[in-house]
Amino acid sequence: MKVEDVQRILAKAIPNCEARKIISEYEMYGYGKPIPGKILETIAAAPLEKQPILAKAVVEGRLKPGEIEASKEAILQGASLEEAIKIAKSAAKLKKKSEVSPPEAVSKAVPVTPLPPTIALPEVPSGVLH
């Protein structure tokens, strides 16, 4: 795509001029490839005045799609840029740890008690039930 086309699309997606500038310069010079759509959507969904801070968090923290939401929430709660990046990185690490259950947790699980045996019900001759 031409630079003008990218700028036009970004202008529609991210209305804050400062945030758009941060993203487009980063894509062209710092990152070398387009920022994933999930990240752009999250920035666009933030309030206009928070978009530049969130864009800087993406650029400076090299945030991934799985980290951007935690960063956005931190910024909306009043966290500084540095705090938002740290929160995003630690949230991603915690998520990865929770997805993989450690072997000790499996071995320390409470043993399952077997259910009592079932009692067979007597057969009802056909024609008795209507």
C-alpha atoms as a PDB file:
ATOM      1  CA  MET A   1       0.000   0.000   0.000  1.00  0.00           C
ATOM      2  CA  LYS A   2       1.011   3.561  -0.507  1.00  0.00           C
ATOM      3  CA  VAL A   3       1.751   5.710   2.522  1.00  0.00           C
ATOM      4  CA  GLU A   4      -1.219   7.932   1.701  1.00  0.00           C
ATOM      5  CA  ASP A   5      -3.576   4.924   1.672  1.00  0.00           C
ATOM      6  CA  VAL A   6      -2.328   3.759   5.070  1.00  0.00           C
ATOM      7  CA  GLN A   7      -2.733   7.264   6.494  1.00  0.00           C
ATOM      8  CA  ARG A   8      -6.269   7.521   5.117  1.00  0.00           C
ATOM      9  CA  ILE A   9      -7.270   4.169   6.651  1.00  0.00           C
ATOM     10  CA  LEU A  10      -5.667   5.047   9.983  1.00  0.00           C
ATOM     11  CA  ALA A  11      -7.481   8.388   9.991  1.00  0.00           C
ATOM     12  CA  LYS A  12     -10.796   6.553   9.812  1.00  0.00           C
ATOM     13  CA  ALA A  13      -9.806   3.898  12.328  1.00  0.00           C
ATOM     14  CA  ILE A  14      -8.002   6.067  14.897  1.00  0.00           C
ATOM     15  CA  PRO A  15      -9.348   9.601  15.049  1.00  0.00           C
ATOM     16  CA  ASN A  16      -6.687  11.021  17.390  1.00  0.00           C
ATOM     17  CA  CYS A  17      -4.000  12.653  15.192  1.00  0.00           C
ATOM     18  CA  GLU A  18      -1.175  12.206  17.703  1.00  0.00           C
ATOM     19  CA  ALA A  19      -1.931   8.492  18.153  1.00  0.00           C
ATOM     20  CA  ARG A  20      -2.096   8.039  14.374  1.00  0.00           C
ATOM     21  CA  LYS A  21       1.285   9.732  13.938  1.00  0.00           C
ATOM     22  CA  ILE A  22       2.894   7.528  16.603  1.00  0.00           C
ATOM     23  CA  ILE A  23       1.530   4.375  14.958  1.00  0.00           C
ATOM     24  CA  SER A  24       2.385   5.295  11.369  1.00  0.00           C
ATOM     25  CA  GLU A  25       5.941   6.377  12.233  1.00  0.00           C
ATOM     26  CA  TYR A  26       6.479   3.213  14.237  1.00  0.00           C
ATOM     27  CA  GLU A  27       5.182   1.022  11.411  1.00  0.00           C
ATOM     28  CA  MET A  28       7.407   2.737   8.870  1.00  0.00           C
ATOM     29  CA  TYR A  29      10.638   3.162  10.801  1.00  0.00           C
ATOM     30  CA  GLY A  30      10.614   1.218  14.063  1.00  0.00           C
ATOM     31  CA  TYR A  31       8.617  -1.921  13.447  1.00  0.00           C
ATOM     32  CA  GLY A  32       8.976  -2.446   9.734  1.00  0.00           C
ATOM     33  CA  LYS A  33       5.605  -4.159   9.365  1.00  0.00           C
ATOM     34  CA  PRO A  34       1.963  -3.281  10.043  1.00  0.00           C
ATOM     35  CA  ILE A  35       0.742  -3.326  13.627  1.00  0.00           C
ATOM     36  CA  PRO A  36      -1.815  -6.143  14.076  1.00  0.00           C
ATOM     37  CA  GLY A  37      -5.458  -5.201  13.630  1.00  0.00           C
ATOM     38  CA  LYS A  38      -6.390  -6.295  17.173  1.00  0.00           C
ATOM     39  CA  ILE A  39      -3.990  -3.678  18.565  1.00  0.00           C
ATOM     40  CA  LEU A  40      -5.377  -0.968  16.275  1.00  0.00           C
ATOM     41  CA  GLU A  41      -8.935  -1.893  17.272  1.00  0.00           C
ATOM     42  CA  THR A  42      -8.066  -1.614  20.963  1.00  0.00           C
ATOM     43  CA  ILE A  43      -6.441   1.780  20.476  1.00  0.00           C
ATOM     44  CA  ALA A  44      -9.435   2.992  18.449  1.00  0.00           C
ATOM     45  CA  ALA A  45     -11.832   1.798  21.174  1.00  0.00           C
ATOM     46  CA  ALA A  46     -10.052   3.878  23.841  1.00  0.00           C
ATOM     47  CA  PRO A  47     -11.262   7.418  24.592  1.00  0.00           C
ATOM     48  CA  LEU A  48      -9.710  10.001  22.242  1.00  0.00           C
ATOM     49  CA  GLU A  49      -7.537  11.594  24.930  1.00  0.00           C
ATOM     50  CA  LYS A  50      -6.097   8.176  25.944  1.00  0.00           C
ATOM     51  CA  GLN A  51      -5.271   6.978  22.414  1.00  0.00           C
ATOM     52  CA  PRO A  52      -1.804   8.649  22.230  1.00  0.00           C
ATOM     53  CA  ILE A  53      -0.739   7.137  25.565  1.00  0.00           C
ATOM     54  CA  LEU A  54      -1.937   3.712  24.468  1.00  0.00           C
ATOM     55  CA  ALA A  55      -0.158   4.073  21.121  1.00  0.00           C
ATOM     56  CA  LYS A  56       3.061   4.995  22.957  1.00  0.00           C
ATOM     57  CA  ALA A  57       2.634   1.938  25.190  1.00  0.00           C
ATOM     58  CA  VAL A  58       2.380  -0.252  22.099  1.00  0.00           C
ATOM     59  CA  VAL A  59       5.463   1.314  20.542  1.00  0.00           C
ATOM     60  CA  GLU A  60       7.684   1.591  23.604  1.00  0.00           C
ATOM     61  CA  GLY A  61       6.637  -1.727  25.127  1.00  0.00           C
ATOM     62  CA  ARG A  62       6.405  -3.542  21.797  1.00  0.00           C
ATOM     63  CA  LEU A  63       3.096  -4.880  23.041  1.00  0.00           C
ATOM     64  CA  LYS A  64       1.502  -7.896  21.437  1.00  0.00           C
ATOM     65  CA  PRO A  65      -2.215  -8.396  20.801  1.00  0.00           C
ATOM     66  CA  GLY A  66      -2.543 -10.436  24.005  1.00  0.00           C
ATOM     67  CA  GLU A  67      -1.036  -7.619  26.079  1.00  0.00           C
ATOM     68  CA  ILE A  68      -2.799  -4.549  24.722  1.00  0.00           C
ATOM     69  CA  GLU A  69      -6.080  -4.962  26.621  1.00  0.00           C
ATOM     70  CA  ALA A  70      -4.335  -5.043  30.023  1.00  0.00           C
ATOM     71  CA  SER A  71      -2.387  -1.935  29.048  1.00  0.00           C
ATOM     72  CA  LYS A  72      -5.573  -0.152  27.991  1.00  0.00           C
ATOM     73  CA  GLU A  73      -7.317  -0.991  31.260  1.00  0.00           C
ATOM     74  CA  ALA A  74      -4.316   0.235  33.253  1.00  0.00           C
ATOM     75  CA  ILE A  75      -4.220   3.527  31.334  1.00  0.00           C
ATOM     76  CA  LEU A  76      -7.959   4.011  31.806  1.00  0.00           C
ATOM     77  CA  GLN A  77      -7.426   3.506  35.551  1.00  0.00           C
ATOM     78  CA  GLY A  78      -4.820   6.289  35.539  1.00  0.00           C
ATOM     79  CA  ALA A  79      -1.585   4.302  35.299  1.00  0.00           C
ATOM     80  CA  SER A  80       1.474   5.965  33.811  1.00  0.00           C
ATOM     81  CA  LEU A  81       2.910   4.809  30.513  1.00  0.00           C
ATOM     82  CA  GLU A  82       5.644   2.785  32.230  1.00  0.00           C
ATOM     83  CA  GLU A  83       3.185   1.203  34.664  1.00  0.00           C
ATOM     84  CA  ALA A  84       0.815   0.273  31.845  1.00  0.00           C
ATOM     85  CA  ILE A  85       3.606  -1.486  29.952  1.00  0.00           C
ATOM     86  CA  LYS A  86       4.693  -3.407  33.076  1.00  0.00           C
ATOM     87  CA  ILE A  87       1.102  -4.405  33.826  1.00  0.00           C
ATOM     88  CA  ALA A  88       0.584  -5.609  30.250  1.00  0.00           C
ATOM     89  CA  LYS A  89       3.774  -7.688  30.289  1.00  0.00           C
ATOM     90  CA  SER A  90       3.023  -9.230  33.694  1.00  0.00           C
ATOM     91  CA  ALA A  91      -0.600  -9.963  32.718  1.00  0.00           C
ATOM     92  CA  ALA A  92       0.631 -11.843  29.656  1.00  0.00           C
ATOM     93  CA  LYS A  93       3.059 -13.883  31.785  1.00  0.00           C
ATOM     94  CA  LEU A  94       0.321 -14.730  34.298  1.00  0.00           C
ATOM     95  CA  LYS A  95      -2.003 -15.791  31.499  1.00  0.00           C
ATOM     96  CA  LYS A  96       0.647 -18.095  30.048  1.00  0.00           C
ATOM     97  CA  LYS A  97       1.283 -19.653  33.475  1.00  0.00           C
ATOM     98  CA  SER A  98      -2.413 -20.257  34.096  1.00  0.00           C
ATOM     99  CA  GLU A  99      -2.838 -21.937  30.709  1.00  0.00           C
ATOM    100  CA  VAL A 100      -0.215 -24.568  31.574  1.00  0.00           C
ATOM    101  CA  SER A 101      -1.004 -26.594  34.669  1.00  0.00           C
ATOM    102  CA  PRO A 102       2.080 -27.690  36.586  1.00  0.00           C
ATOM    103  CA  PRO A 103       2.622 -31.438  37.083  1.00  0.00           C
ATOM    104  CA  GLU A 104       2.547 -31.008  40.884  1.00  0.00           C
ATOM    105  CA  ALA A 105      -1.009 -29.713  40.750  1.00  0.00           C
ATOM    106  CA  VAL A 106      -2.122 -32.896  39.036  1.00  0.00           C
ATOM    107  CA  SER A 107      -0.360 -35.167  41.527  1.00  0.00           C
ATOM    108  CA  LYS A 108      -1.687 -33.222  44.535  1.00  0.00           C
ATOM    109  CA  ALA A 109      -5.286 -33.365  43.349  1.00  0.00           C
ATOM    110  CA  VAL A 110      -7.828 -34.813  45.770  1.00  0.00           C
ATOM    111  CA  PRO A 111      -8.579 -38.430  44.879  1.00  0.00           C
ATOM    112  CA  VAL A 112     -12.013 -38.983  43.433  1.00  0.00           C
ATOM    113  CA  THR A 113     -14.264 -41.193  45.518  1.00  0.00           C
ATOM    114  CA  PRO A 114     -16.119 -43.795  43.497  1.00  0.00           C
ATOM    115  CA  LEU A 115     -19.879 -43.569  43.222  1.00  0.00           C
ATOM    116  CA  PRO A 116     -21.931 -46.202  45.072  1.00  0.00           C
ATOM    117  CA  PRO A 117     -23.070 -49.131  42.931  1.00  0.00           C
ATOM    118  CA  THR A 118     -26.325 -48.611  41.091  1.00  0.00           C
ATOM    119  CA  ILE A 119     -29.338 -50.766  41.858  1.00  0.00           C
ATOM    120  CA  ALA A 120     -30.985 -52.450  38.905  1.00  0.00           C
ATOM    121  CA  LEU A 121     -34.677 -51.693  38.575  1.00  0.00           C
ATOM    122  CA  PRO A 122     -37.066 -54.608  38.057  1.00  0.00           C
ATOM    123  CA  GLU A 123     -38.344 -55.111  34.540  1.00  0.00           C
ATOM    124  CA  VAL A 124     -41.944 -54.121  33.888  1.00  0.00           C
ATOM    125  CA  PRO A 125     -43.884 -56.466  31.615  1.00  0.00           C
ATOM    126  CA  SER A 126     -44.969 -54.878  28.355  1.00  0.00           C
ATOM    127  CA  GLY A 127     -48.538 -53.741  28.207  1.00  0.00           C
ATOM    128  CA  VAL A 128     -48.565 -52.726  31.889  1.00  0.00           C
ATOM    129  CA  LEU A 129     -47.516 -49.148  31.176  1.00  0.00           C
ATOM    130  CA  HIS A 130     -49.760 -47.137  28.903  1.00  0.00           C
END
